[in-house]
Full PDB file with SEQRES, HELIX, SHEET, SSBOND, CRYST1, ORIGX, SCALE, CONECT and MASTER records, all heavy atoms in Angstrom:
SEQRES   1 A   36  PHE ASN LYS ASP TYR LEU GLU LEU HIS ASN GLU LEU ASN          
SEQRES   2 A   36  LYS GLU ARG GLU ILE ASP SER ILE LEU THR GLU ASP PHE          
SEQRES   3 A   36  CYS ARG LEU VAL ASN LYS ARG LYS VAL ILE                      
HELIX    1 AA1 LYS A    3  ILE A   21  1                                  19    
HELIX    2 AA2 GLU A   24  LEU A   29  1                                   6    
HELIX    3 AA3 LYS A   32  VAL A   35  1                                   4    
CRYST1    1.000    1.000    1.000  90.00  90.00  90.00 P 1           1          
ORIGX1      1.000000  0.000000  0.000000        0.00000                         
ORIGX2      0.000000  1.000000  0.000000        0.00000                         
ORIGX3      0.000000  0.000000  1.000000        0.00000                         
SCALE1      1.000000  0.000000  0.000000        0.00000                         
SCALE2      0.000000  1.000000  0.000000        0.00000                         
SCALE3      0.000000  0.000000  1.000000        0.00000                         
ATOM      1  N   PHE A   1       5.146 -34.181  15.189  1.00  0.00           N  
ATOM      2  CA  PHE A   1       4.947 -34.742  13.842  1.00  0.00           C  
ATOM      3  C   PHE A   1       4.438 -36.201  13.994  1.00  0.00           C  
ATOM      4  O   PHE A   1       4.814 -36.916  14.900  1.00  0.00           O  
ATOM      5  CB  PHE A   1       6.249 -34.734  13.034  1.00  0.00           C  
ATOM      6  CG  PHE A   1       6.790 -33.282  12.903  1.00  0.00           C  
ATOM      7  CD1 PHE A   1       7.937 -32.891  13.586  1.00  0.00           C  
ATOM      8  CD2 PHE A   1       6.231 -32.431  12.031  1.00  0.00           C  
ATOM      9  CE1 PHE A   1       8.385 -31.658  13.433  1.00  0.00           C  
ATOM     10  CE2 PHE A   1       6.723 -31.166  11.886  1.00  0.00           C  
ATOM     11  CZ  PHE A   1       7.813 -30.746  12.570  1.00  0.00           C  
ATOM     12  N   ASN A   2       3.661 -36.610  12.963  1.00  0.00           N  
ATOM     13  CA  ASN A   2       3.190 -37.989  13.013  1.00  0.00           C  
ATOM     14  C   ASN A   2       4.303 -38.956  12.460  1.00  0.00           C  
ATOM     15  O   ASN A   2       5.293 -38.499  11.962  1.00  0.00           O  
ATOM     16  CB  ASN A   2       1.883 -38.122  12.185  1.00  0.00           C  
ATOM     17  CG  ASN A   2       2.073 -37.925  10.677  1.00  0.00           C  
ATOM     18  OD1 ASN A   2       3.135 -38.170  10.119  1.00  0.00           O  
ATOM     19  ND2 ASN A   2       1.000 -37.482   9.988  1.00  0.00           N  
ATOM     20  N   LYS A   3       4.014 -40.205  12.677  1.00  0.00           N  
ATOM     21  CA  LYS A   3       4.950 -41.271  12.324  1.00  0.00           C  
ATOM     22  C   LYS A   3       5.381 -41.210  10.806  1.00  0.00           C  
ATOM     23  O   LYS A   3       6.582 -41.366  10.465  1.00  0.00           O  
ATOM     24  CB  LYS A   3       4.366 -42.590  12.663  1.00  0.00           C  
ATOM     25  CG  LYS A   3       5.254 -43.773  12.389  1.00  0.00           C  
ATOM     26  CD  LYS A   3       4.534 -45.082  12.729  1.00  0.00           C  
ATOM     27  CE  LYS A   3       5.278 -46.251  12.200  1.00  0.00           C  
ATOM     28  NZ  LYS A   3       4.523 -47.493  12.255  1.00  0.00           N  
ATOM     29  N   ASP A   4       4.399 -41.021   9.923  1.00  0.00           N  
ATOM     30  CA  ASP A   4       4.721 -41.039   8.469  1.00  0.00           C  
ATOM     31  C   ASP A   4       5.692 -39.879   8.131  1.00  0.00           C  
ATOM     32  O   ASP A   4       6.610 -40.075   7.336  1.00  0.00           O  
ATOM     33  CB  ASP A   4       3.416 -40.853   7.677  1.00  0.00           C  
ATOM     34  CG  ASP A   4       2.529 -42.077   7.784  1.00  0.00           C  
ATOM     35  OD1 ASP A   4       3.064 -43.162   8.031  1.00  0.00           O  
ATOM     36  OD2 ASP A   4       1.312 -41.923   7.593  1.00  0.00           O  
ATOM     37  N   TYR A   5       5.499 -38.729   8.717  1.00  0.00           N  
ATOM     38  CA  TYR A   5       6.344 -37.611   8.461  1.00  0.00           C  
ATOM     39  C   TYR A   5       7.769 -37.881   8.958  1.00  0.00           C  
ATOM     40  O   TYR A   5       8.744 -37.631   8.276  1.00  0.00           O  
ATOM     41  CB  TYR A   5       5.817 -36.316   9.156  1.00  0.00           C  
ATOM     42  CG  TYR A   5       6.790 -35.172   8.987  1.00  0.00           C  
ATOM     43  CD1 TYR A   5       6.795 -34.365   7.846  1.00  0.00           C  
ATOM     44  CD2 TYR A   5       7.717 -34.876  10.003  1.00  0.00           C  
ATOM     45  CE1 TYR A   5       7.748 -33.364   7.679  1.00  0.00           C  
ATOM     46  CE2 TYR A   5       8.661 -33.891   9.877  1.00  0.00           C  
ATOM     47  CZ  TYR A   5       8.646 -33.110   8.704  1.00  0.00           C  
ATOM     48  OH  TYR A   5       9.585 -32.126   8.565  1.00  0.00           O  
ATOM     49  N   LEU A   6       7.882 -38.498  10.116  1.00  0.00           N  
ATOM     50  CA  LEU A   6       9.203 -38.781  10.697  1.00  0.00           C  
ATOM     51  C   LEU A   6       9.933 -39.785   9.857  1.00  0.00           C  
ATOM     52  O   LEU A   6      11.157 -39.655   9.630  1.00  0.00           O  
ATOM     53  CB  LEU A   6       9.034 -39.247  12.145  1.00  0.00           C  
ATOM     54  CG  LEU A   6       8.581 -38.140  13.148  1.00  0.00           C  
ATOM     55  CD1 LEU A   6       8.321 -38.736  14.499  1.00  0.00           C  
ATOM     56  CD2 LEU A   6       9.559 -37.023  13.220  1.00  0.00           C  
ATOM     57  N   GLU A   7       9.219 -40.799   9.368  1.00  0.00           N  
ATOM     58  CA  GLU A   7       9.844 -41.755   8.462  1.00  0.00           C  
ATOM     59  C   GLU A   7      10.327 -41.110   7.193  1.00  0.00           C  
ATOM     60  O   GLU A   7      11.422 -41.410   6.702  1.00  0.00           O  
ATOM     61  CB  GLU A   7       8.854 -42.902   8.152  1.00  0.00           C  
ATOM     62  CG  GLU A   7       8.615 -43.830   9.309  1.00  0.00           C  
ATOM     63  CD  GLU A   7       7.573 -44.911   9.021  1.00  0.00           C  
ATOM     64  OE1 GLU A   7       7.220 -45.140   7.830  1.00  0.00           O  
ATOM     65  OE2 GLU A   7       7.148 -45.573   9.959  1.00  0.00           O  
ATOM     66  N   LEU A   8       9.496 -40.301   6.624  1.00  0.00           N  
ATOM     67  CA  LEU A   8       9.891 -39.541   5.389  1.00  0.00           C  
ATOM     68  C   LEU A   8      11.065 -38.651   5.640  1.00  0.00           C  
ATOM     69  O   LEU A   8      12.002 -38.623   4.802  1.00  0.00           O  
ATOM     70  CB  LEU A   8       8.708 -38.792   4.882  1.00  0.00           C  
ATOM     71  CG  LEU A   8       8.895 -38.053   3.548  1.00  0.00           C  
ATOM     72  CD1 LEU A   8       9.149 -39.020   2.438  1.00  0.00           C  
ATOM     73  CD2 LEU A   8       7.653 -37.266   3.214  1.00  0.00           C  
ATOM     74  N   HIS A   9      11.084 -38.019   6.745  1.00  0.00           N  
ATOM     75  CA  HIS A   9      12.169 -37.102   7.159  1.00  0.00           C  
ATOM     76  C   HIS A   9      13.493 -37.940   7.247  1.00  0.00           C  
ATOM     77  O   HIS A   9      14.568 -37.518   6.792  1.00  0.00           O  
ATOM     78  CB  HIS A   9      11.877 -36.410   8.432  1.00  0.00           C  
ATOM     79  CG  HIS A   9      12.955 -35.469   8.917  1.00  0.00           C  
ATOM     80  ND1 HIS A   9      13.235 -34.306   8.270  1.00  0.00           N  
ATOM     81  CD2 HIS A   9      13.772 -35.600   9.977  1.00  0.00           C  
ATOM     82  CE1 HIS A   9      14.232 -33.732   8.921  1.00  0.00           C  
ATOM     83  NE2 HIS A   9      14.583 -34.481   9.946  1.00  0.00           N  
ATOM     84  N   ASN A  10      13.414 -39.119   7.903  1.00  0.00           N  
ATOM     85  CA  ASN A  10      14.618 -39.986   8.068  1.00  0.00           C  
ATOM     86  C   ASN A  10      15.139 -40.462   6.711  1.00  0.00           C  
ATOM     87  O   ASN A  10      16.275 -40.495   6.488  1.00  0.00           O  
ATOM     88  CB  ASN A  10      14.281 -41.130   8.973  1.00  0.00           C  
ATOM     89  CG  ASN A  10      14.129 -40.705  10.449  1.00  0.00           C  
ATOM     90  OD1 ASN A  10      14.655 -39.651  10.832  1.00  0.00           O  
ATOM     91  ND2 ASN A  10      13.431 -41.482  11.232  1.00  0.00           N  
ATOM     92  N   GLU A  11      14.172 -40.840   5.828  1.00  0.00           N  
ATOM     93  CA  GLU A  11      14.595 -41.295   4.454  1.00  0.00           C  
ATOM     94  C   GLU A  11      15.262 -40.180   3.733  1.00  0.00           C  
ATOM     95  O   GLU A  11      16.264 -40.431   3.016  1.00  0.00           O  
ATOM     96  CB  GLU A  11      13.340 -41.808   3.678  1.00  0.00           C  
ATOM     97  CG  GLU A  11      12.859 -43.125   4.135  1.00  0.00           C  
ATOM     98  CD  GLU A  11      11.632 -43.560   3.368  1.00  0.00           C  
ATOM     99  OE1 GLU A  11      11.462 -43.234   2.222  1.00  0.00           O  
ATOM    100  OE2 GLU A  11      10.776 -44.267   3.985  1.00  0.00           O  
ATOM    101  N   LEU A  12      14.720 -38.978   3.861  1.00  0.00           N  
ATOM    102  CA  LEU A  12      15.343 -37.855   3.163  1.00  0.00           C  
ATOM    103  C   LEU A  12      16.747 -37.574   3.691  1.00  0.00           C  
ATOM    104  O   LEU A  12      17.634 -37.275   2.921  1.00  0.00           O  
ATOM    105  CB  LEU A  12      14.449 -36.595   3.325  1.00  0.00           C  
ATOM    106  CG  LEU A  12      14.928 -35.299   2.710  1.00  0.00           C  
ATOM    107  CD1 LEU A  12      15.016 -35.515   1.177  1.00  0.00           C  
ATOM    108  CD2 LEU A  12      13.979 -34.189   2.944  1.00  0.00           C  
ATOM    109  N   ASN A  13      16.942 -37.671   5.017  1.00  0.00           N  
ATOM    110  CA  ASN A  13      18.246 -37.506   5.599  1.00  0.00           C  
ATOM    111  C   ASN A  13      19.220 -38.557   5.098  1.00  0.00           C  
ATOM    112  O   ASN A  13      20.402 -38.291   4.856  1.00  0.00           O  
ATOM    113  CB  ASN A  13      18.180 -37.490   7.124  1.00  0.00           C  
ATOM    114  CG  ASN A  13      17.668 -36.166   7.634  1.00  0.00           C  
ATOM    115  OD1 ASN A  13      17.736 -35.187   6.957  1.00  0.00           O  
ATOM    116  ND2 ASN A  13      17.205 -36.212   8.878  1.00  0.00           N  
ATOM    117  N   LYS A  14      18.786 -39.834   4.962  1.00  0.00           N  
ATOM    118  CA  LYS A  14      19.626 -40.900   4.425  1.00  0.00           C  
ATOM    119  C   LYS A  14      19.989 -40.599   2.990  1.00  0.00           C  
ATOM    120  O   LYS A  14      21.142 -40.770   2.620  1.00  0.00           O  
ATOM    121  CB  LYS A  14      18.915 -42.253   4.515  1.00  0.00           C  
ATOM    122  CG  LYS A  14      18.794 -42.783   5.879  1.00  0.00           C  
ATOM    123  CD  LYS A  14      18.050 -44.127   5.910  1.00  0.00           C  
ATOM    124  CE  LYS A  14      17.684 -44.580   7.254  1.00  0.00           C  
ATOM    125  NZ  LYS A  14      16.854 -45.776   7.278  1.00  0.00           N  
ATOM    126  N   GLU A  15      19.031 -40.082   2.192  1.00  0.00           N  
ATOM    127  CA  GLU A  15      19.313 -39.790   0.799  1.00  0.00           C  
ATOM    128  C   GLU A  15      20.364 -38.620   0.685  1.00  0.00           C  
ATOM    129  O   GLU A  15      21.232 -38.683  -0.155  1.00  0.00           O  
ATOM    130  CB  GLU A  15      17.972 -39.356   0.117  1.00  0.00           C  
ATOM    131  CG  GLU A  15      18.113 -39.244  -1.369  1.00  0.00           C  
ATOM    132  CD  GLU A  15      18.402 -40.546  -2.105  1.00  0.00           C  
ATOM    133  OE1 GLU A  15      17.959 -41.618  -1.654  1.00  0.00           O  
ATOM    134  OE2 GLU A  15      19.076 -40.486  -3.164  1.00  0.00           O  
ATOM    135  N   ARG A  16      20.211 -37.646   1.555  1.00  0.00           N  
ATOM    136  CA  ARG A  16      21.194 -36.565   1.638  1.00  0.00           C  
ATOM    137  C   ARG A  16      22.578 -37.100   1.931  1.00  0.00           C  
ATOM    138  O   ARG A  16      23.580 -36.624   1.377  1.00  0.00           O  
ATOM    139  CB  ARG A  16      20.754 -35.499   2.559  1.00  0.00           C  
ATOM    140  CG  ARG A  16      19.598 -34.657   2.108  1.00  0.00           C  
ATOM    141  CD  ARG A  16      19.277 -33.595   3.114  1.00  0.00           C  
ATOM    142  NE  ARG A  16      18.159 -32.811   2.664  1.00  0.00           N  
ATOM    143  CZ  ARG A  16      17.216 -32.270   3.444  1.00  0.00           C  
ATOM    144  NH1 ARG A  16      17.317 -32.455   4.779  1.00  0.00           N  
ATOM    145  NH2 ARG A  16      16.211 -31.615   3.009  1.00  0.00           N  
ATOM    146  N   GLU A  17      22.688 -38.012   2.867  1.00  0.00           N  
ATOM    147  CA  GLU A  17      23.947 -38.587   3.290  1.00  0.00           C  
ATOM    148  C   GLU A  17      24.550 -39.295   2.082  1.00  0.00           C  
ATOM    149  O   GLU A  17      25.751 -39.148   1.800  1.00  0.00           O  
ATOM    150  CB  GLU A  17      23.782 -39.526   4.458  1.00  0.00           C  
ATOM    151  CG  GLU A  17      25.087 -40.219   4.812  1.00  0.00           C  
ATOM    152  CD  GLU A  17      24.894 -41.305   5.903  1.00  0.00           C  
ATOM    153  OE1 GLU A  17      23.764 -41.551   6.350  1.00  0.00           O  
ATOM    154  OE2 GLU A  17      25.929 -41.889   6.254  1.00  0.00           O  
ATOM    155  N   ILE A  18      23.753 -40.098   1.377  1.00  0.00           N  
ATOM    156  CA  ILE A  18      24.217 -40.805   0.236  1.00  0.00           C  
ATOM    157  C   ILE A  18      24.740 -39.820  -0.820  1.00  0.00           C  
ATOM    158  O   ILE A  18      25.753 -40.011  -1.450  1.00  0.00           O  
ATOM    159  CB  ILE A  18      23.080 -41.763  -0.319  1.00  0.00           C  
ATOM    160  CG1 ILE A  18      22.899 -42.870   0.652  1.00  0.00           C  
ATOM    161  CG2 ILE A  18      23.474 -42.280  -1.705  1.00  0.00           C  
ATOM    162  CD1 ILE A  18      21.619 -43.710   0.364  1.00  0.00           C  
ATOM    163  N   ASP A  19      23.936 -38.787  -1.100  1.00  0.00           N  
ATOM    164  CA  ASP A  19      24.300 -37.821  -2.074  1.00  0.00           C  
ATOM    165  C   ASP A  19      25.607 -37.087  -1.738  1.00  0.00           C  
ATOM    166  O   ASP A  19      26.381 -36.720  -2.618  1.00  0.00           O  
ATOM    167  CB  ASP A  19      23.206 -36.787  -2.271  1.00  0.00           C  
ATOM    168  CG  ASP A  19      21.979 -37.293  -3.015  1.00  0.00           C  
ATOM    169  OD1 ASP A  19      22.154 -38.362  -3.685  1.00  0.00           O  
ATOM    170  OD2 ASP A  19      20.935 -36.727  -2.965  1.00  0.00           O  
ATOM    171  N   SER A  20      25.850 -36.885  -0.447  1.00  0.00           N  
ATOM    172  CA  SER A  20      27.095 -36.218  -0.020  1.00  0.00           C  
ATOM    173  C   SER A  20      28.301 -37.114  -0.196  1.00  0.00           C  
ATOM    174  O   SER A  20      29.405 -36.604  -0.366  1.00  0.00           O  
ATOM    175  CB  SER A  20      26.966 -35.755   1.420  1.00  0.00           C  
ATOM    176  OG  SER A  20      27.020 -36.806   2.325  1.00  0.00           O  
ATOM    177  N   ILE A  21      28.104 -38.447  -0.243  1.00  0.00           N  
ATOM    178  CA  ILE A  21      29.185 -39.381  -0.426  1.00  0.00           C  
ATOM    179  C   ILE A  21      29.392 -39.730  -1.849  1.00  0.00           C  
ATOM    180  O   ILE A  21      30.515 -39.698  -2.372  1.00  0.00           O  
ATOM    181  CB  ILE A  21      28.897 -40.689   0.422  1.00  0.00           C  
ATOM    182  CG1 ILE A  21      28.939 -40.391   1.939  1.00  0.00           C  
ATOM    183  CG2 ILE A  21      29.989 -41.747   0.075  1.00  0.00           C  
ATOM    184  CD1 ILE A  21      28.448 -41.488   2.795  1.00  0.00           C  
ATOM    185  N   LEU A  22      28.303 -40.050  -2.556  1.00  0.00           N  
ATOM    186  CA  LEU A  22      28.390 -40.500  -3.927  1.00  0.00           C  
ATOM    187  C   LEU A  22      28.395 -39.329  -4.893  1.00  0.00           C  
ATOM    188  O   LEU A  22      27.447 -38.942  -5.547  1.00  0.00           O  
ATOM    189  CB  LEU A  22      27.214 -41.452  -4.286  1.00  0.00           C  
ATOM    190  CG  LEU A  22      27.153 -42.712  -3.473  1.00  0.00           C  
ATOM    191  CD1 LEU A  22      25.974 -43.549  -3.959  1.00  0.00           C  
ATOM    192  CD2 LEU A  22      28.443 -43.526  -3.558  1.00  0.00           C  
ATOM    193  N   THR A  23      29.545 -38.697  -5.022  1.00  0.00           N  
ATOM    194  CA  THR A  23      29.710 -37.558  -5.961  1.00  0.00           C  
ATOM    195  C   THR A  23      30.464 -38.093  -7.184  1.00  0.00           C  
ATOM    196  O   THR A  23      31.012 -39.171  -7.233  1.00  0.00           O  
ATOM    197  CB  THR A  23      30.512 -36.463  -5.283  1.00  0.00           C  
ATOM    198  OG1 THR A  23      31.834 -36.925  -5.030  1.00  0.00           O  
ATOM    199  CG2 THR A  23      29.855 -35.932  -4.029  1.00  0.00           C  
ATOM    200  N   GLU A  24      30.459 -37.277  -8.208  1.00  0.00           N  
ATOM    201  CA  GLU A  24      31.207 -37.644  -9.417  1.00  0.00           C  
ATOM    202  C   GLU A  24      32.708 -37.758  -9.157  1.00  0.00           C  
ATOM    203  O   GLU A  24      33.367 -38.656  -9.678  1.00  0.00           O  
ATOM    204  CB  GLU A  24      30.979 -36.585 -10.559  1.00  0.00           C  
ATOM    205  CG  GLU A  24      29.554 -36.595 -11.128  1.00  0.00           C  
ATOM    206  CD  GLU A  24      29.168 -37.932 -11.757  1.00  0.00           C  
ATOM    207  OE1 GLU A  24      29.998 -38.652 -12.324  1.00  0.00           O  
ATOM    208  OE2 GLU A  24      28.010 -38.302 -11.576  1.00  0.00           O  
ATOM    209  N   ASP A  25      33.239 -36.912  -8.266  1.00  0.00           N  
ATOM    210  CA  ASP A  25      34.644 -37.069  -7.841  1.00  0.00           C  
ATOM    211  C   ASP A  25      34.876 -38.393  -7.170  1.00  0.00           C  
ATOM    212  O   ASP A  25      35.878 -39.115  -7.458  1.00  0.00           O  
ATOM    213  CB  ASP A  25      35.067 -35.912  -6.888  1.00  0.00           C  
ATOM    214  CG  ASP A  25      35.174 -34.587  -7.645  1.00  0.00           C  
ATOM    215  OD1 ASP A  25      35.410 -34.590  -8.878  1.00  0.00           O  
ATOM    216  OD2 ASP A  25      35.102 -33.568  -6.932  1.00  0.00           O  
ATOM    217  N   PHE A  26      33.963 -38.816  -6.298  1.00  0.00           N  
ATOM    218  CA  PHE A  26      34.068 -40.133  -5.670  1.00  0.00           C  
ATOM    219  C   PHE A  26      34.049 -41.235  -6.713  1.00  0.00           C  
ATOM    220  O   PHE A  26      34.835 -42.138  -6.608  1.00  0.00           O  
ATOM    221  CB  PHE A  26      32.900 -40.332  -4.667  1.00  0.00           C  
ATOM    222  CG  PHE A  26      32.894 -41.671  -4.063  1.00  0.00           C  
ATOM    223  CD1 PHE A  26      33.639 -41.981  -2.930  1.00  0.00           C  
ATOM    224  CD2 PHE A  26      32.029 -42.651  -4.621  1.00  0.00           C  
ATOM    225  CE1 PHE A  26      33.568 -43.217  -2.380  1.00  0.00           C  
ATOM    226  CE2 PHE A  26      31.993 -43.907  -4.063  1.00  0.00           C  
ATOM    227  CZ  PHE A  26      32.786 -44.187  -2.923  1.00  0.00           C  
ATOM    228  N   CYS A  27      33.189 -41.140  -7.640  1.00  0.00           N  
ATOM    229  CA  CYS A  27      33.041 -42.149  -8.703  1.00  0.00           C  
ATOM    230  C   CYS A  27      34.319 -42.333  -9.467  1.00  0.00           C  
ATOM    231  O   CYS A  27      34.661 -43.461  -9.910  1.00  0.00           O  
ATOM    232  CB  CYS A  27      31.850 -41.901  -9.599  1.00  0.00           C  
ATOM    233  SG  CYS A  27      30.264 -42.050  -8.768  1.00  0.00           S  
ATOM    234  N   ARG A  28      35.044 -41.239  -9.713  1.00  0.00           N  
ATOM    235  CA  ARG A  28      36.344 -41.324 -10.384  1.00  0.00           C  
ATOM    236  C   ARG A  28      37.409 -42.152  -9.588  1.00  0.00           C  
ATOM    237  O   ARG A  28      38.291 -42.699 -10.189  1.00  0.00           O  
ATOM    238  CB  ARG A  28      36.884 -39.971 -10.782  1.00  0.00           C  
ATOM    239  CG  ARG A  28      36.132 -39.324 -11.949  1.00  0.00           C  
ATOM    240  CD  ARG A  28      36.829 -38.086 -12.428  1.00  0.00           C  
ATOM    241  NE  ARG A  28      36.501 -36.894 -11.649  1.00  0.00           N  
ATOM    242  CZ  ARG A  28      35.458 -36.123 -11.799  1.00  0.00           C  
ATOM    243  NH1 ARG A  28      34.544 -36.479 -12.689  1.00  0.00           N  
ATOM    244  NH2 ARG A  28      35.260 -35.091 -11.066  1.00  0.00           N  
ATOM    245  N   LEU A  29      37.162 -42.125  -8.267  1.00  0.00           N  
ATOM    246  CA  LEU A  29      38.133 -42.876  -7.430  1.00  0.00           C  
ATOM    247  C   LEU A  29      37.812 -44.337  -7.261  1.00  0.00           C  
ATOM    248  O   LEU A  29      38.626 -45.114  -6.873  1.00  0.00           O  
ATOM    249  CB  LEU A  29      38.186 -42.246  -6.008  1.00  0.00           C  
ATOM    250  CG  LEU A  29      38.669 -40.804  -6.010  1.00  0.00           C  
ATOM    251  CD1 LEU A  29      38.474 -40.239  -4.581  1.00  0.00           C  
ATOM    252  CD2 LEU A  29      40.116 -40.683  -6.406  1.00  0.00           C  
ATOM    253  N   VAL A  30      36.571 -44.709  -7.610  1.00  0.00           N  
ATOM    254  CA  VAL A  30      36.112 -46.073  -7.427  1.00  0.00           C  
ATOM    255  C   VAL A  30      36.840 -47.026  -8.398  1.00  0.00           C  
ATOM    256  O   VAL A  30      36.951 -46.707  -9.584  1.00  0.00           O  
ATOM    257  CB  VAL A  30      34.606 -46.251  -7.623  1.00  0.00           C  
ATOM    258  CG1 VAL A  30      34.177 -47.674  -7.602  1.00  0.00           C  
ATOM    259  CG2 VAL A  30      33.881 -45.424  -6.523  1.00  0.00           C  
ATOM    260  N   ASN A  31      37.352 -48.147  -7.886  1.00  0.00           N  
ATOM    261  CA  ASN A  31      38.032 -49.068  -8.715  1.00  0.00           C  
ATOM    262  C   ASN A  31      37.015 -49.982  -9.448  1.00  0.00           C  
ATOM    263  O   ASN A  31      36.271 -50.719  -8.815  1.00  0.00           O  
ATOM    264  CB  ASN A  31      38.922 -49.953  -7.857  1.00  0.00           C  
ATOM    265  CG  ASN A  31      39.788 -50.972  -8.596  1.00  0.00           C  
ATOM    266  OD1 ASN A  31      39.537 -51.204  -9.756  1.00  0.00           O  
ATOM    267  ND2 ASN A  31      40.774 -51.474  -7.926  1.00  0.00           N  
ATOM    268  N   LYS A  32      36.958 -49.894 -10.711  1.00  0.00           N  
ATOM    269  CA  LYS A  32      36.018 -50.707 -11.528  1.00  0.00           C  
ATOM    270  C   LYS A  32      36.184 -52.158 -11.252  1.00  0.00           C  
ATOM    271  O   LYS A  32      35.243 -52.931 -11.315  1.00  0.00           O  
ATOM    272  CB  LYS A  32      36.223 -50.411 -13.033  1.00  0.00           C  
ATOM    273  CG  LYS A  32      35.487 -49.300 -13.538  1.00  0.00           C  
ATOM    274  CD  LYS A  32      35.350 -49.331 -15.059  1.00  0.00           C  
ATOM    275  CE  LYS A  32      36.629 -49.412 -15.805  1.00  0.00           C  
ATOM    276  NZ  LYS A  32      36.527 -49.178 -17.256  1.00  0.00           N  
ATOM    277  N   ARG A  33      37.371 -52.602 -10.967  1.00  0.00           N  
ATOM    278  CA  ARG A  33      37.629 -53.996 -10.750  1.00  0.00           C  
ATOM    279  C   ARG A  33      36.955 -54.528  -9.460  1.00  0.00           C  
ATOM    280  O   ARG A  33      36.837 -55.769  -9.272  1.00  0.00           O  
ATOM    281  CB  ARG A  33      39.130 -54.225 -10.639  1.00  0.00           C  
ATOM    282  CG  ARG A  33      39.830 -54.011 -11.984  1.00  0.00           C  
ATOM    283  CD  ARG A  33      41.283 -54.368 -11.939  1.00  0.00           C  
ATOM    284  NE  ARG A  33      41.931 -53.970 -13.152  1.00  0.00           N  
ATOM    285  CZ  ARG A  33      43.024 -53.246 -13.188  1.00  0.00           C  
ATOM    286  NH1 ARG A  33      43.622 -52.885 -12.069  1.00  0.00           N  
ATOM    287  NH2 ARG A  33      43.507 -52.914 -14.315  1.00  0.00           N  
ATOM    288  N   LYS A  34      36.469 -53.645  -8.626  1.00  0.00           N  
ATOM    289  CA  LYS A  34      35.788 -54.066  -7.449  1.00  0.00           C  
ATOM    290  C   LYS A  34      34.257 -54.065  -7.751  1.00  0.00           C  
ATOM    291  O   LYS A  34      33.488 -54.859  -7.186  1.00  0.00           O  
ATOM    292  CB  LYS A  34      35.996 -53.052  -6.302  1.00  0.00           C  
ATOM    293  CG  LYS A  34      37.367 -52.977  -5.864  1.00  0.00           C  
ATOM    294  CD  LYS A  34      37.762 -54.076  -4.964  1.00  0.00           C  
ATOM    295  CE  LYS A  34      39.143 -53.869  -4.370  1.00  0.00           C  
ATOM    296  NZ  LYS A  34      39.423 -54.769  -3.255  1.00  0.00           N  
ATOM    297  N   VAL A  35      33.792 -53.135  -8.640  1.00  0.00           N  
ATOM    298  CA  VAL A  35      32.396 -53.065  -8.916  1.00  0.00           C  
ATOM    299  C   VAL A  35      31.926 -54.158  -9.910  1.00  0.00           C  
ATOM    300  O   VAL A  35      30.855 -54.725  -9.727  1.00  0.00           O  
ATOM    301  CB  VAL A  35      32.041 -51.639  -9.516  1.00  0.00           C  
ATOM    302  CG1 VAL A  35      30.549 -51.523  -9.930  1.00  0.00           C  
ATOM    303  CG2 VAL A  35      32.347 -50.523  -8.494  1.00  0.00           C  
ATOM    304  N   ILE A  36      32.701 -54.402 -10.876  1.00  0.00           N  
ATOM    305  CA  ILE A  36      32.366 -55.397 -11.931  1.00  0.00           C  
ATOM    306  C   ILE A  36      32.049 -56.765 -11.311  1.00  0.00           C  
ATOM    307  O   ILE A  36      30.970 -57.287 -11.594  1.00  0.00           O  
ATOM    308  CB  ILE A  36      33.450 -55.483 -13.069  1.00  0.00           C  
ATOM    309  CG1 ILE A  36      33.502 -54.157 -13.805  1.00  0.00           C  
ATOM    310  CG2 ILE A  36      33.138 -56.651 -13.965  1.00  0.00           C  
ATOM    311  CD1 ILE A  36      34.711 -54.026 -14.717  1.00  0.00           C  
TER     312      ILE A  36                                                      
MASTER        0    0    0    3    0    0    0    6  311    1    0    3          
END                                                                             
């Protein structure tokens, strides 16, 4: 694969990792007092 494809593939994997962590259930556990 060329460099552009590999970069896009890596970005997609990062996005999948983020999506697996940032779920609605996770958001209910987040302390608003830390985010504000």
